[in-house]
Amino acid sequence: MDALLEFRNDLDIAGPSGSIRLEAPLPGPLVIVSGGTGGAQAWSLIDTLTKAPPDWPVGFLWCADDEPSLYLGDELQAMRLPWLHFEFVVDASRSADNRSMARLRELAPGFSSLLGPIAGNGNDIPKPQLLLAGSPGFVYAATDVLLSAGVQTEQMRSDVYGYAPRT
């Protein structure tokens, strides 16, 4: 960098891209599905929710290539938040049948095993919102799994949809 600046060349620097907005307070259950570094976005949201705990449960499925990639897993477990239910899945393969996508496929019909028990009868409980976080490859693979499992497009949110749209 010093060499570039010494010759007065232009140096373009770009920060993170994308944005995601969720209603506050949460209008219903929330499911966060993150791949790898998408855990940072999820962690930020969970940290924000600790300041005003939601009335609805939040489920978090964190998919990673290896155990060290779950870099905040121990802290998350230590928080013991009554409204947060989470699972970690480790599988480095990139196939549609990897353990992360298989687990997402299993959870998709209602997400009840990830969200835990929800008070009220089935008619009173809104469909969960889904926040998908991670690389475009992960987000679109998860999107395809969820759509094929019957999850509605309007339930899903991701900053990837804005900064890396499918063509």
Foldseek 3Di string as FASTA:
>chain_A
DVVCVVVPHDDDDDDDAFDWDADPPHPAEEEEEEEQPQVVVVVVVVVVCVVPPHPYAYFYEYEYQDDVSVVCVVVVVVVPDVRYFYDYHHHNDDDCPTPSNVVLLVCLPQNCVRRDDDDDDPVPGDRYAYEYTDDPSRRVSSVVSNVVSPDDPVSYDYRCCVPPNDD
